[in-house]
Structure formats: structure tokens, C-alpha cells
Amino acid sequence: MHNYINFLLKKSDINKNEFHSYNPKRQKKSKNFEYKKIFEPTACNYVIFDFETTGLSPENDKIIEIGALKVIEDKVISSFNELIDPERPIPPYISEKINITNEMVFGKRKIEKVLPEFIEFIEDLPLIAHNAKFDMSFLLQNIEKMNLKCNNPAIDTLYLSRKYLNLEKNSLSYITNHFGINHDNAHRAFADVSALLEVYKIIKKTYAEKNKNS
């Protein structure tokens, strides 16, 4: 069971058949959230973001941390980094993996307060995430609950890595280790987006060089 949980926790390698809640008593088919996708790494203006959550199900689990970087003309101009009180216990195996405890989130602002600010932060910019389906599903599920709007397109660096980097594995930890990118405090949202920014730069450069020579 321990090995199975560790497998599920590798969210960057989750496919559509593994996208479900950790708790078998409340497993159900996840809603298919639709959003516009960008398939080429050409964006110069964008927001890289990452959610840490209590589990894998957008319907059943809660966002407990948001990390994001806003990039304009390939330069970071602002950041968003906040812990969120999920109003429920964080499963111990999640706390162990992402280094967020119940004590850390207790008394923090609720998602109802934080998400509108995040929507304002991202404006109408493309959103970049590693395994974007995961983060976009949580984003759109919570937006729907709060009657907010978000029509931002998404760029998936997991897809782009598979397409352009030709690596043995495409998890964020593997990519950062392969390229020597600093990824201390992995699985914390802001640490992940900081590392992912460097990954996107590499993908973008690889893409540009490939198209230049083609």
C-alpha cells in the first residue's frame, strides 16, 4: 500500500486513468474540465502556477497552497505565494510528501478569500503548469463553486517535456535534476514554480533551436 500511495503522489506522471481521490471510499469519476490549450512554448507573457492539495480529486479534495510567478517579456514581475486553510485534516502521507502540516495551515485564509485574489493576479495571461490537467481541474472546480470566471489558456510543461526534451522521465524532479536546476523544498508550490520557470526556459530554447534548424 505504501508503494501504491507513493506512486499516486507523483502527480506529474498521472494519466487520465489514475486521476482520482486517495480515499477509496469516496472515489468517483472526475469531471472533465474543458479549457483552451497552447501546444507550443512560445509565450513570453504568462503565469507559472502550482497547487498543493489534500489529494488528487478536484471534487473531494482541497487546495492548501498556491504558488505562482507572473512573467512579462520573459521577466518575473510579481509573485503569489499563500498557504490556505482547507478546513479539514491533511492526510499524514500528504503532509510527509509536501512538507505542509495541519499546524501550518490552521488559521490561514480560506480558499474563498484567496482564490479571487489569485484570479485577479493571473489576469488573462496563459497559465503554465506541470501536468496542467491536475492544477487546471482544481482551479476550474473551485472557480465553478464560487461563480468566478477564468478563460485563461494553459500550457502543460509535462506535455512539452515529452515532446521536446527527449528524456527518460518527465517528472519535474527528474527534469530539474537532469539539468542541474535548483529544486530545494520540492513539492512546495512556490519552490516548484520557481524550478518550473527554469524548465520552461529550457523547453522554449530547445523549441526555438529546433525550429531554427528545420
N, C-alpha and C. Protein backbone atom coordinates (compact mmCIF):
# COMPACT_ATOMS: atom_id res chain seq x y z
N MET A 1 0.83 -1.21 0.00
CA MET A 1 0.00 0.00 0.00
C MET A 1 0.86 1.26 0.00
N HIS A 2 1.97 1.21 0.77
CA HIS A 2 2.84 2.39 0.84
C HIS A 2 3.40 2.74 -0.54
N ASN A 3 3.83 1.71 -1.28
CA ASN A 3 4.37 1.95 -2.61
C ASN A 3 3.30 2.50 -3.55
N TYR A 4 2.07 2.02 -3.39
CA TYR A 4 0.97 2.50 -4.23
C TYR A 4 0.68 3.97 -3.98
N ILE A 5 0.69 4.37 -2.71
CA ILE A 5 0.46 5.77 -2.35
C ILE A 5 1.58 6.65 -2.93
N ASN A 6 2.83 6.19 -2.81
CA ASN A 6 3.93 6.97 -3.37
C ASN A 6 3.78 7.14 -4.87
N PHE A 7 3.29 6.09 -5.53
CA PHE A 7 3.06 6.19 -6.97
C PHE A 7 2.02 7.25 -7.29
N LEU A 8 0.94 7.26 -6.52
CA LEU A 8 -0.12 8.24 -6.76
C LEU A 8 0.36 9.66 -6.51
N LEU A 9 1.27 9.80 -5.57
CA LEU A 9 1.73 11.13 -5.21
C LEU A 9 2.60 11.77 -6.28
N LYS A 10 3.06 11.00 -7.25
CA LYS A 10 3.85 11.57 -8.33
C LYS A 10 2.91 12.20 -9.35
N LYS A 11 2.34 13.32 -9.00
CA LYS A 11 1.26 13.89 -9.79
C LYS A 11 1.70 14.29 -11.19
N SER A 12 2.98 14.54 -11.39
CA SER A 12 3.44 14.94 -12.72
C SER A 12 3.38 13.79 -13.71
N ASP A 13 3.23 12.55 -13.21
CA ASP A 13 3.16 11.40 -14.10
C ASP A 13 1.78 10.77 -14.13
N ILE A 14 0.79 11.44 -13.54
CA ILE A 14 -0.56 10.89 -13.50
C ILE A 14 -1.18 10.95 -14.89
N ASN A 15 -1.83 9.87 -15.30
CA ASN A 15 -2.59 9.92 -16.54
C ASN A 15 -4.07 9.88 -16.24
N LYS A 16 -4.86 9.92 -17.26
CA LYS A 16 -6.30 10.08 -17.05
C LYS A 16 -6.92 8.91 -16.29
N ASN A 17 -6.30 7.75 -16.31
CA ASN A 17 -6.85 6.60 -15.62
C ASN A 17 -6.45 6.56 -14.15
N GLU A 18 -5.54 7.43 -13.74
CA GLU A 18 -5.08 7.46 -12.36
C GLU A 18 -5.56 8.70 -11.63
N PHE A 19 -6.37 9.51 -12.28
CA PHE A 19 -6.77 10.80 -11.73
C PHE A 19 -7.98 10.63 -10.83
N HIS A 20 -7.72 10.26 -9.57
CA HIS A 20 -8.83 10.01 -8.65
C HIS A 20 -8.41 10.32 -7.22
N SER A 21 -9.35 10.26 -6.32
CA SER A 21 -9.08 10.58 -4.92
C SER A 21 -8.25 9.48 -4.27
N TYR A 22 -7.50 9.84 -3.22
CA TYR A 22 -6.74 8.86 -2.47
C TYR A 22 -7.64 7.93 -1.67
N ASN A 23 -8.76 8.44 -1.22
CA ASN A 23 -9.63 7.68 -0.34
C ASN A 23 -10.56 6.80 -1.16
N PRO A 24 -10.38 5.47 -1.12
CA PRO A 24 -11.20 4.59 -1.96
C PRO A 24 -12.68 4.65 -1.63
N LYS A 25 -13.05 5.10 -0.43
CA LYS A 25 -14.45 5.17 -0.06
C LYS A 25 -15.18 6.29 -0.78
N ARG A 26 -14.42 7.27 -1.32
CA ARG A 26 -15.08 8.37 -2.00
C ARG A 26 -14.56 8.57 -3.42
N GLN A 27 -14.06 7.48 -4.01
CA GLN A 27 -13.64 7.56 -5.40
C GLN A 27 -14.85 7.73 -6.31
N LYS A 28 -14.71 8.57 -7.30
CA LYS A 28 -15.71 8.68 -8.35
C LYS A 28 -15.04 9.30 -9.57
N LYS A 29 -15.66 9.14 -10.69
CA LYS A 29 -15.08 9.68 -11.91
C LYS A 29 -15.03 11.20 -11.83
N SER A 30 -13.86 11.76 -12.13
CA SER A 30 -13.70 13.20 -12.07
C SER A 30 -14.36 13.87 -13.26
N LYS A 31 -14.87 15.05 -13.03
CA LYS A 31 -15.47 15.84 -14.10
C LYS A 31 -14.39 16.23 -15.10
N ASN A 32 -14.76 16.24 -16.36
CA ASN A 32 -13.82 16.61 -17.41
C ASN A 32 -13.90 18.11 -17.64
N PHE A 33 -12.95 18.84 -17.08
CA PHE A 33 -12.95 20.30 -17.20
C PHE A 33 -12.32 20.71 -18.54
N GLU A 34 -13.01 21.54 -19.26
CA GLU A 34 -12.54 21.99 -20.57
C GLU A 34 -11.86 23.36 -20.44
N TYR A 35 -10.74 23.51 -21.09
CA TYR A 35 -10.04 24.79 -21.14
C TYR A 35 -9.18 24.81 -22.40
N LYS A 36 -8.87 25.99 -22.86
CA LYS A 36 -8.05 26.13 -24.06
C LYS A 36 -6.61 25.74 -23.76
N LYS A 37 -6.01 24.99 -24.68
CA LYS A 37 -4.63 24.53 -24.50
C LYS A 37 -3.72 25.15 -25.55
N ILE A 38 -2.52 25.52 -25.12
CA ILE A 38 -1.48 26.00 -26.02
C ILE A 38 -0.42 24.91 -26.10
N PHE A 39 -0.08 24.49 -27.33
CA PHE A 39 0.76 23.31 -27.51
C PHE A 39 2.21 23.63 -27.89
N GLU A 40 2.54 24.90 -28.03
CA GLU A 40 3.91 25.26 -28.38
C GLU A 40 4.45 26.27 -27.35
N PRO A 41 5.73 26.14 -26.97
CA PRO A 41 6.32 27.01 -25.94
C PRO A 41 6.82 28.34 -26.50
N THR A 42 5.89 29.18 -26.89
CA THR A 42 6.27 30.46 -27.49
C THR A 42 5.89 31.66 -26.64
N ALA A 43 5.15 31.45 -25.55
CA ALA A 43 4.67 32.56 -24.73
C ALA A 43 5.81 33.29 -24.04
N CYS A 44 5.76 34.62 -24.09
CA CYS A 44 6.71 35.47 -23.36
C CYS A 44 6.05 36.12 -22.14
N ASN A 45 4.72 36.18 -22.17
CA ASN A 45 3.92 36.71 -21.06
C ASN A 45 3.05 35.58 -20.53
N TYR A 46 3.18 35.26 -19.24
CA TYR A 46 2.46 34.11 -18.71
C TYR A 46 2.53 34.09 -17.19
N VAL A 47 1.75 33.20 -16.59
CA VAL A 47 1.83 32.93 -15.15
C VAL A 47 2.13 31.45 -14.97
N ILE A 48 3.22 31.15 -14.29
CA ILE A 48 3.52 29.77 -13.90
C ILE A 48 2.92 29.55 -12.52
N PHE A 49 2.14 28.48 -12.36
CA PHE A 49 1.49 28.27 -11.07
C PHE A 49 1.49 26.81 -10.67
N ASP A 50 1.28 26.60 -9.38
CA ASP A 50 1.23 25.24 -8.84
C ASP A 50 0.34 25.23 -7.61
N PHE A 51 -0.47 24.18 -7.49
CA PHE A 51 -1.29 23.97 -6.30
C PHE A 51 -0.76 22.77 -5.53
N GLU A 52 -0.75 22.87 -4.22
CA GLU A 52 -0.62 21.70 -3.37
C GLU A 52 -2.00 21.43 -2.79
N THR A 53 -2.37 20.17 -2.71
CA THR A 53 -3.74 19.81 -2.35
C THR A 53 -3.77 18.67 -1.34
N THR A 54 -4.94 18.41 -0.78
CA THR A 54 -5.10 17.32 0.17
C THR A 54 -5.22 15.96 -0.51
N GLY A 55 -5.31 15.94 -1.84
CA GLY A 55 -5.45 14.70 -2.59
C GLY A 55 -5.56 14.99 -4.07
N LEU A 56 -5.99 14.00 -4.83
CA LEU A 56 -5.99 14.13 -6.29
C LEU A 56 -7.36 14.46 -6.89
N SER A 57 -8.41 14.46 -6.11
CA SER A 57 -9.75 14.67 -6.65
C SER A 57 -10.19 16.13 -6.51
N PRO A 58 -10.42 16.83 -7.62
CA PRO A 58 -10.89 18.22 -7.53
C PRO A 58 -12.24 18.34 -6.83
N GLU A 59 -13.07 17.32 -6.97
CA GLU A 59 -14.40 17.36 -6.34
C GLU A 59 -14.34 17.13 -4.84
N ASN A 60 -13.40 16.31 -4.39
CA ASN A 60 -13.39 15.91 -2.99
C ASN A 60 -12.27 16.52 -2.16
N ASP A 61 -11.20 16.92 -2.80
CA ASP A 61 -10.03 17.41 -2.07
C ASP A 61 -9.92 18.93 -2.14
N LYS A 62 -9.01 19.47 -1.34
CA LYS A 62 -8.91 20.92 -1.16
C LYS A 62 -7.52 21.44 -1.51
N ILE A 63 -7.47 22.66 -1.99
CA ILE A 63 -6.21 23.35 -2.24
C ILE A 63 -5.66 23.85 -0.91
N ILE A 64 -4.39 23.57 -0.64
CA ILE A 64 -3.79 24.02 0.61
C ILE A 64 -2.61 24.98 0.40
N GLU A 65 -2.18 25.12 -0.84
CA GLU A 65 -1.13 26.10 -1.12
C GLU A 65 -1.17 26.50 -2.59
N ILE A 66 -0.98 27.79 -2.84
CA ILE A 66 -0.86 28.31 -4.20
C ILE A 66 0.48 29.02 -4.33
N GLY A 67 1.21 28.68 -5.36
CA GLY A 67 2.44 29.40 -5.69
C GLY A 67 2.38 29.81 -7.15
N ALA A 68 2.81 31.02 -7.46
CA ALA A 68 2.75 31.49 -8.84
C ALA A 68 3.77 32.59 -9.08
N LEU A 69 4.23 32.67 -10.34
CA LEU A 69 5.11 33.74 -10.80
C LEU A 69 4.51 34.35 -12.05
N LYS A 70 4.42 35.67 -12.08
CA LYS A 70 3.95 36.37 -13.27
C LYS A 70 5.16 36.84 -14.07
N VAL A 71 5.17 36.46 -15.35
CA VAL A 71 6.30 36.77 -16.22
C VAL A 71 5.81 37.61 -17.39
N ILE A 72 6.43 38.76 -17.59
CA ILE A 72 6.11 39.65 -18.71
C ILE A 72 7.39 39.91 -19.49
N GLU A 73 7.34 39.67 -20.79
CA GLU A 73 8.52 39.81 -21.65
C GLU A 73 9.69 39.01 -21.08
N ASP A 74 9.37 37.79 -20.64
CA ASP A 74 10.36 36.84 -20.13
C ASP A 74 11.04 37.28 -18.84
N LYS A 75 10.44 38.24 -18.13
CA LYS A 75 11.00 38.68 -16.85
C LYS A 75 9.94 38.56 -15.75
N VAL A 76 10.33 38.01 -14.61
CA VAL A 76 9.42 37.89 -13.47
C VAL A 76 9.13 39.28 -12.92
N ILE A 77 7.84 39.62 -12.85
CA ILE A 77 7.49 40.95 -12.34
C ILE A 77 6.76 40.89 -10.99
N SER A 78 6.17 39.73 -10.65
CA SER A 78 5.49 39.62 -9.36
C SER A 78 5.26 38.15 -9.02
N SER A 79 4.91 37.91 -7.77
CA SER A 79 4.72 36.53 -7.30
C SER A 79 3.48 36.43 -6.42
N PHE A 80 3.02 35.20 -6.25
CA PHE A 80 1.86 34.89 -5.42
C PHE A 80 2.21 33.63 -4.66
N ASN A 81 2.11 33.69 -3.34
CA ASN A 81 2.52 32.54 -2.53
C ASN A 81 1.71 32.54 -1.24
N GLU A 82 0.83 31.57 -1.08
CA GLU A 82 -0.03 31.58 0.10
C GLU A 82 -0.47 30.18 0.50
N LEU A 83 -0.38 29.91 1.79
CA LEU A 83 -0.98 28.71 2.38
C LEU A 83 -2.46 28.97 2.62
N ILE A 84 -3.26 27.90 2.56
CA ILE A 84 -4.71 28.03 2.67
C ILE A 84 -5.24 26.99 3.66
N ASP A 85 -6.13 27.41 4.52
CA ASP A 85 -6.77 26.50 5.47
C ASP A 85 -7.82 25.67 4.73
N PRO A 86 -7.63 24.34 4.62
CA PRO A 86 -8.61 23.51 3.90
C PRO A 86 -9.83 23.16 4.75
N GLU A 87 -9.81 23.54 6.03
CA GLU A 87 -10.91 23.24 6.95
C GLU A 87 -11.16 21.75 7.08
N ARG A 88 -10.10 20.99 6.95
CA ARG A 88 -10.14 19.55 7.17
C ARG A 88 -8.70 19.09 7.41
N PRO A 89 -8.51 17.95 8.05
CA PRO A 89 -7.14 17.47 8.28
C PRO A 89 -6.45 17.11 6.96
N ILE A 90 -5.17 17.39 6.89
CA ILE A 90 -4.36 16.95 5.76
C ILE A 90 -3.94 15.51 6.04
N PRO A 91 -4.16 14.59 5.11
CA PRO A 91 -3.74 13.20 5.34
C PRO A 91 -2.25 13.13 5.66
N PRO A 92 -1.86 12.27 6.60
CA PRO A 92 -0.45 12.21 7.02
C PRO A 92 0.51 11.95 5.87
N TYR A 93 0.14 11.09 4.93
CA TYR A 93 1.06 10.79 3.84
C TYR A 93 1.21 11.98 2.89
N ILE A 94 0.20 12.85 2.84
CA ILE A 94 0.33 14.07 2.05
C ILE A 94 1.28 15.04 2.75
N SER A 95 1.08 15.21 4.05
CA SER A 95 1.96 16.09 4.83
C SER A 95 3.41 15.67 4.71
N GLU A 96 3.64 14.37 4.76
CA GLU A 96 5.00 13.85 4.67
C GLU A 96 5.62 14.15 3.31
N LYS A 97 4.81 14.06 2.27
CA LYS A 97 5.33 14.26 0.93
C LYS A 97 5.58 15.73 0.60
N ILE A 98 4.66 16.61 0.99
CA ILE A 98 4.76 18.01 0.56
C ILE A 98 5.25 18.95 1.67
N ASN A 99 5.48 18.40 2.86
CA ASN A 99 6.02 19.19 3.97
C ASN A 99 5.10 20.35 4.36
N ILE A 100 3.81 20.09 4.36
CA ILE A 100 2.83 21.04 4.88
C ILE A 100 2.01 20.33 5.95
N THR A 101 2.02 20.86 7.15
CA THR A 101 1.32 20.23 8.26
C THR A 101 0.01 20.94 8.55
N ASN A 102 -0.83 20.30 9.35
CA ASN A 102 -2.08 20.91 9.77
C ASN A 102 -1.83 22.20 10.56
N GLU A 103 -0.76 22.21 11.35
CA GLU A 103 -0.44 23.39 12.14
C GLU A 103 -0.08 24.57 11.23
N MET A 104 0.55 24.29 10.10
CA MET A 104 0.96 25.35 9.19
C MET A 104 -0.21 26.04 8.51
N VAL A 105 -1.28 25.30 8.26
CA VAL A 105 -2.42 25.89 7.54
C VAL A 105 -3.55 26.34 8.48
N PHE A 106 -3.50 25.90 9.72
CA PHE A 106 -4.58 26.27 10.65
C PHE A 106 -4.61 27.78 10.86
N GLY A 107 -5.79 28.36 10.66
CA GLY A 107 -5.96 29.80 10.86
C GLY A 107 -5.61 30.65 9.65
N LYS A 108 -5.08 30.00 8.60
CA LYS A 108 -4.81 30.75 7.37
C LYS A 108 -6.13 31.10 6.68
N ARG A 109 -6.07 31.95 5.71
CA ARG A 109 -7.29 32.33 4.99
C ARG A 109 -7.86 31.15 4.21
N LYS A 110 -9.17 31.17 4.04
CA LYS A 110 -9.84 30.11 3.30
C LYS A 110 -9.74 30.38 1.80
N ILE A 111 -9.99 29.33 1.01
CA ILE A 111 -9.90 29.45 -0.45
C ILE A 111 -10.87 30.50 -0.99
N GLU A 112 -12.00 30.70 -0.32
CA GLU A 112 -12.98 31.69 -0.78
C GLU A 112 -12.41 33.11 -0.75
N LYS A 113 -11.45 33.34 0.10
CA LYS A 113 -10.79 34.65 0.17
C LYS A 113 -9.59 34.74 -0.76
N VAL A 114 -8.87 33.63 -0.88
CA VAL A 114 -7.61 33.64 -1.62
C VAL A 114 -7.83 33.55 -3.13
N LEU A 115 -8.75 32.70 -3.56
CA LEU A 115 -8.89 32.46 -5.00
C LEU A 115 -9.27 33.71 -5.80
N PRO A 116 -10.20 34.54 -5.33
CA PRO A 116 -10.48 35.77 -6.10
C PRO A 116 -9.24 36.63 -6.31
N GLU A 117 -8.36 36.67 -5.33
CA GLU A 117 -7.12 37.43 -5.47
C GLU A 117 -6.19 36.77 -6.50
N PHE A 118 -6.19 35.45 -6.51
CA PHE A 118 -5.37 34.75 -7.49
C PHE A 118 -5.90 34.98 -8.90
N ILE A 119 -7.21 34.98 -9.07
CA ILE A 119 -7.82 35.25 -10.38
C ILE A 119 -7.43 36.66 -10.85
N GLU A 120 -7.43 37.60 -9.94
CA GLU A 120 -7.00 38.96 -10.29
C GLU A 120 -5.52 38.98 -10.66
N PHE A 121 -4.72 38.18 -9.96
CA PHE A 121 -3.28 38.12 -10.20
C PHE A 121 -2.97 37.58 -11.60
N ILE A 122 -3.68 36.55 -12.04
CA ILE A 122 -3.35 35.92 -13.32
C ILE A 122 -3.87 36.69 -14.52
N GLU A 123 -4.80 37.62 -14.29
CA GLU A 123 -5.39 38.41 -15.37
C GLU A 123 -5.89 37.48 -16.48
N ASP A 124 -5.57 37.78 -17.74
CA ASP A 124 -5.97 36.89 -18.83
C ASP A 124 -4.76 36.20 -19.46
N LEU A 125 -3.67 36.09 -18.69
CA LEU A 125 -2.42 35.52 -19.20
C LEU A 125 -2.50 34.00 -19.33
N PRO A 126 -1.73 33.42 -20.25
CA PRO A 126 -1.63 31.97 -20.30
C PRO A 126 -1.09 31.43 -18.98
N LEU A 127 -1.58 30.27 -18.57
CA LEU A 127 -1.16 29.63 -17.33
C LEU A 127 -0.27 28.44 -17.66
N ILE A 128 0.87 28.35 -16.99
CA ILE A 128 1.80 27.24 -17.21
C ILE A 128 1.86 26.39 -15.96
N ALA A 129 1.71 25.08 -16.14
CA ALA A 129 1.79 24.15 -15.01
C ALA A 129 2.38 22.83 -15.51
N HIS A 130 2.95 22.06 -14.60
CA HIS A 130 3.48 20.74 -14.94
C HIS A 130 2.39 19.71 -14.64
N ASN A 131 1.91 19.05 -15.67
CA ASN A 131 0.68 18.26 -15.63
C ASN A 131 -0.49 19.21 -15.39
N ALA A 132 -0.71 20.08 -16.37
CA ALA A 132 -1.70 21.16 -16.25
C ALA A 132 -3.10 20.65 -15.96
N LYS A 133 -3.41 19.45 -16.41
CA LYS A 133 -4.75 18.91 -16.17
C LYS A 133 -5.08 18.88 -14.68
N PHE A 134 -4.09 18.52 -13.88
CA PHE A 134 -4.29 18.45 -12.43
C PHE A 134 -4.62 19.82 -11.85
N ASP A 135 -3.73 20.79 -12.08
CA ASP A 135 -3.90 22.11 -11.48
C ASP A 135 -5.09 22.86 -12.08
N MET A 136 -5.30 22.72 -13.38
CA MET A 136 -6.44 23.40 -14.02
C MET A 136 -7.76 22.82 -13.52
N SER A 137 -7.81 21.53 -13.28
CA SER A 137 -9.04 20.92 -12.76
C SER A 137 -9.39 21.46 -11.39
N PHE A 138 -8.40 21.59 -10.51
CA PHE A 138 -8.65 22.18 -9.19
C PHE A 138 -9.05 23.64 -9.32
N LEU A 139 -8.38 24.37 -10.21
CA LEU A 139 -8.71 25.77 -10.40
C LEU A 139 -10.14 25.94 -10.89
N LEU A 140 -10.50 25.20 -11.92
CA LEU A 140 -11.83 25.35 -12.52
C LEU A 140 -12.94 24.82 -11.61
N GLN A 141 -12.65 23.77 -10.85
CA GLN A 141 -13.63 23.26 -9.90
C GLN A 141 -13.96 24.31 -8.85
N ASN A 142 -12.94 24.96 -8.32
CA ASN A 142 -13.17 25.96 -7.28
C ASN A 142 -13.77 27.24 -7.85
N ILE A 143 -13.40 27.60 -9.05
CA ILE A 143 -14.00 28.75 -9.71
C ILE A 143 -15.49 28.53 -9.92
N GLU A 144 -15.84 27.32 -10.34
CA GLU A 144 -17.24 26.98 -10.57
C GLU A 144 -18.04 27.09 -9.27
N LYS A 145 -17.46 26.61 -8.17
CA LYS A 145 -18.14 26.67 -6.88
C LYS A 145 -18.41 28.10 -6.44
N MET A 146 -17.51 29.00 -6.79
CA MET A 146 -17.60 30.40 -6.33
C MET A 146 -18.19 31.33 -7.37
N ASN A 147 -18.64 30.76 -8.49
CA ASN A 147 -19.23 31.57 -9.57
C ASN A 147 -18.27 32.64 -10.08
N LEU A 148 -17.00 32.29 -10.13
CA LEU A 148 -15.99 33.16 -10.72
C LEU A 148 -15.79 32.79 -12.18
N LYS A 149 -14.96 33.54 -12.87
CA LYS A 149 -14.69 33.25 -14.28
C LYS A 149 -13.19 33.16 -14.53
N CYS A 150 -12.83 32.22 -15.39
CA CYS A 150 -11.44 32.07 -15.81
C CYS A 150 -11.43 31.43 -17.19
N ASN A 151 -11.01 32.19 -18.18
CA ASN A 151 -10.92 31.67 -19.54
C ASN A 151 -9.47 31.60 -20.03
N ASN A 152 -8.55 31.60 -19.10
CA ASN A 152 -7.13 31.58 -19.46
C ASN A 152 -6.76 30.27 -20.14
N PRO A 153 -5.97 30.34 -21.21
CA PRO A 153 -5.45 29.12 -21.81
C PRO A 153 -4.33 28.55 -20.94
N ALA A 154 -4.01 27.28 -21.14
CA ALA A 154 -2.99 26.62 -20.32
C ALA A 154 -1.91 25.98 -21.19
N ILE A 155 -0.70 26.01 -20.67
CA ILE A 155 0.45 25.37 -21.30
C ILE A 155 0.95 24.30 -20.34
N ASP A 156 1.09 23.07 -20.83
CA ASP A 156 1.48 21.94 -19.99
C ASP A 156 2.94 21.59 -20.24
N THR A 157 3.80 21.85 -19.27
CA THR A 157 5.22 21.55 -19.44
C THR A 157 5.50 20.05 -19.40
N LEU A 158 4.61 19.26 -18.83
CA LEU A 158 4.77 17.80 -18.90
C LEU A 158 4.66 17.36 -20.35
N TYR A 159 3.63 17.85 -21.04
CA TYR A 159 3.47 17.55 -22.47
C TYR A 159 4.66 18.06 -23.27
N LEU A 160 5.09 19.29 -23.00
CA LEU A 160 6.18 19.89 -23.75
C LEU A 160 7.49 19.16 -23.51
N SER A 161 7.71 18.71 -22.29
CA SER A 161 8.92 17.95 -21.97
C SER A 161 8.95 16.65 -22.76
N ARG A 162 7.82 15.95 -22.77
CA ARG A 162 7.76 14.71 -23.54
C ARG A 162 8.01 14.94 -25.02
N LYS A 163 7.55 16.07 -25.52
CA LYS A 163 7.65 16.36 -26.95
C LYS A 163 9.02 16.86 -27.37
N TYR A 164 9.67 17.67 -26.51
CA TYR A 164 10.88 18.37 -26.95
C TYR A 164 12.17 18.00 -26.22
N LEU A 165 12.10 17.46 -25.02
CA LEU A 165 13.34 17.26 -24.27
C LEU A 165 13.94 15.87 -24.42
N ASN A 166 13.14 14.91 -24.82
CA ASN A 166 13.65 13.55 -25.09
C ASN A 166 14.39 12.97 -23.89
N LEU A 167 13.76 13.02 -22.73
CA LEU A 167 14.35 12.49 -21.51
C LEU A 167 13.77 11.13 -21.17
N GLU A 168 14.46 10.41 -20.31
CA GLU A 168 13.98 9.09 -19.88
C GLU A 168 12.68 9.22 -19.08
N LYS A 169 12.61 10.27 -18.24
CA LYS A 169 11.42 10.54 -17.44
C LYS A 169 11.07 12.01 -17.58
N ASN A 170 9.85 12.37 -17.21
CA ASN A 170 9.41 13.75 -17.39
C ASN A 170 8.80 14.35 -16.13
N SER A 171 9.04 13.72 -14.98
CA SER A 171 8.60 14.34 -13.73
C SER A 171 9.42 15.60 -13.50
N LEU A 172 8.88 16.54 -12.77
CA LEU A 172 9.59 17.78 -12.52
C LEU A 172 10.91 17.53 -11.79
N SER A 173 10.90 16.60 -10.84
CA SER A 173 12.13 16.31 -10.09
C SER A 173 13.20 15.73 -10.99
N TYR A 174 12.80 14.88 -11.93
CA TYR A 174 13.78 14.28 -12.84
C TYR A 174 14.36 15.34 -13.77
N ILE A 175 13.50 16.20 -14.32
CA ILE A 175 13.96 17.23 -15.25
C ILE A 175 14.93 18.19 -14.55
N THR A 176 14.56 18.64 -13.35
CA THR A 176 15.42 19.59 -12.65
C THR A 176 16.77 18.96 -12.29
N ASN A 177 16.74 17.70 -11.91
CA ASN A 177 17.98 17.01 -11.59
C ASN A 177 18.84 16.84 -12.85
N HIS A 178 18.19 16.51 -13.96
CA HIS A 178 18.91 16.30 -15.22
C HIS A 178 19.64 17.57 -15.67
N PHE A 179 18.98 18.71 -15.52
CA PHE A 179 19.56 19.97 -16.00
C PHE A 179 20.27 20.76 -14.89
N GLY A 180 20.34 20.20 -13.69
CA GLY A 180 21.03 20.88 -12.61
C GLY A 180 20.31 22.13 -12.12
N ILE A 181 18.99 22.10 -12.17
CA ILE A 181 18.19 23.24 -11.72
C ILE A 181 17.93 23.11 -10.22
N ASN A 182 18.13 24.20 -9.49
CA ASN A 182 17.87 24.18 -8.06
C ASN A 182 16.40 23.89 -7.79
N HIS A 183 16.15 22.85 -7.00
CA HIS A 183 14.76 22.49 -6.68
C HIS A 183 14.67 22.08 -5.22
N ASP A 184 15.29 22.87 -4.36
CA ASP A 184 15.19 22.64 -2.92
C ASP A 184 13.74 22.82 -2.49
N ASN A 185 13.34 22.07 -1.47
CA ASN A 185 11.98 22.16 -0.95
C ASN A 185 10.94 21.75 -1.99
N ALA A 186 11.28 20.73 -2.76
CA ALA A 186 10.37 20.22 -3.80
C ALA A 186 9.02 19.83 -3.20
N HIS A 187 7.99 19.97 -3.99
CA HIS A 187 6.59 19.70 -3.63
C HIS A 187 5.97 20.80 -2.78
N ARG A 188 6.69 21.88 -2.55
CA ARG A 188 6.06 23.09 -2.06
C ARG A 188 5.80 23.96 -3.28
N ALA A 189 4.63 24.61 -3.29
CA ALA A 189 4.15 25.24 -4.51
C ALA A 189 5.13 26.27 -5.08
N PHE A 190 5.65 27.16 -4.22
CA PHE A 190 6.50 28.23 -4.75
C PHE A 190 7.85 27.68 -5.21
N ALA A 191 8.36 26.68 -4.52
CA ALA A 191 9.61 26.04 -4.95
C ALA A 191 9.42 25.37 -6.30
N ASP A 192 8.28 24.75 -6.49
CA ASP A 192 8.01 24.07 -7.76
C ASP A 192 7.88 25.05 -8.92
N VAL A 193 7.19 26.18 -8.70
CA VAL A 193 7.05 27.12 -9.82
C VAL A 193 8.37 27.81 -10.13
N SER A 194 9.18 28.03 -9.12
CA SER A 194 10.50 28.64 -9.36
C SER A 194 11.36 27.72 -10.21
N ALA A 195 11.31 26.41 -9.92
CA ALA A 195 12.05 25.45 -10.72
C ALA A 195 11.43 25.30 -12.11
N LEU A 196 10.11 25.32 -12.16
CA LEU A 196 9.42 25.14 -13.43
C LEU A 196 9.69 26.30 -14.39
N LEU A 197 9.89 27.48 -13.85
CA LEU A 197 10.24 28.62 -14.70
C LEU A 197 11.52 28.32 -15.49
N GLU A 198 12.51 27.74 -14.82
CA GLU A 198 13.77 27.41 -15.49
C GLU A 198 13.56 26.27 -16.49
N VAL A 199 12.70 25.34 -16.16
CA VAL A 199 12.39 24.25 -17.09
C VAL A 199 11.74 24.79 -18.34
N TYR A 200 10.79 25.70 -18.17
CA TYR A 200 10.11 26.28 -19.33
C TYR A 200 11.10 27.03 -20.22
N LYS A 201 12.03 27.73 -19.62
CA LYS A 201 13.06 28.43 -20.41
C LYS A 201 13.86 27.46 -21.26
N ILE A 202 14.20 26.31 -20.69
CA ILE A 202 14.96 25.29 -21.42
C ILE A 202 14.12 24.73 -22.56
N ILE A 203 12.87 24.43 -22.27
CA ILE A 203 11.98 23.91 -23.31
C ILE A 203 11.83 24.93 -24.43
N LYS A 204 11.65 26.18 -24.05
CA LYS A 204 11.46 27.24 -25.04
C LYS A 204 12.70 27.39 -25.92
N LYS A 205 13.88 27.33 -25.31
CA LYS A 205 15.13 27.43 -26.06
C LYS A 205 15.30 26.24 -27.00
N THR A 206 14.99 25.03 -26.50
CA THR A 206 15.08 23.83 -27.31
C THR A 206 14.15 23.91 -28.52
N TYR A 207 12.95 24.37 -28.26
CA TYR A 207 11.95 24.53 -29.32
C TYR A 207 12.43 25.53 -30.38
N ALA A 208 12.97 26.65 -29.93
CA ALA A 208 13.44 27.69 -30.85
C ALA A 208 14.61 27.17 -31.71
N GLU A 209 15.52 26.43 -31.09
CA GLU A 209 16.66 25.90 -31.83
C GLU A 209 16.21 24.85 -32.84
N LYS A 210 15.24 24.04 -32.46
CA LYS A 210 14.73 23.01 -33.37
C LYS A 210 14.07 23.65 -34.57
N ASN A 211 13.30 24.69 -34.36
CA ASN A 211 12.58 25.35 -35.47
C ASN A 211 13.52 26.19 -36.31
N LYS A 212 14.60 26.68 -35.71
CA LYS A 212 15.58 27.46 -36.46
C LYS A 212 16.32 26.59 -37.44
N ASN A 213 16.57 25.34 -37.04
CA ASN A 213 17.34 24.43 -37.88
C ASN A 213 16.47 23.61 -38.84
N SER A 214 15.17 23.73 -38.69
CA SER A 214 14.28 22.92 -39.53
C SER A 214 13.96 23.62 -40.85
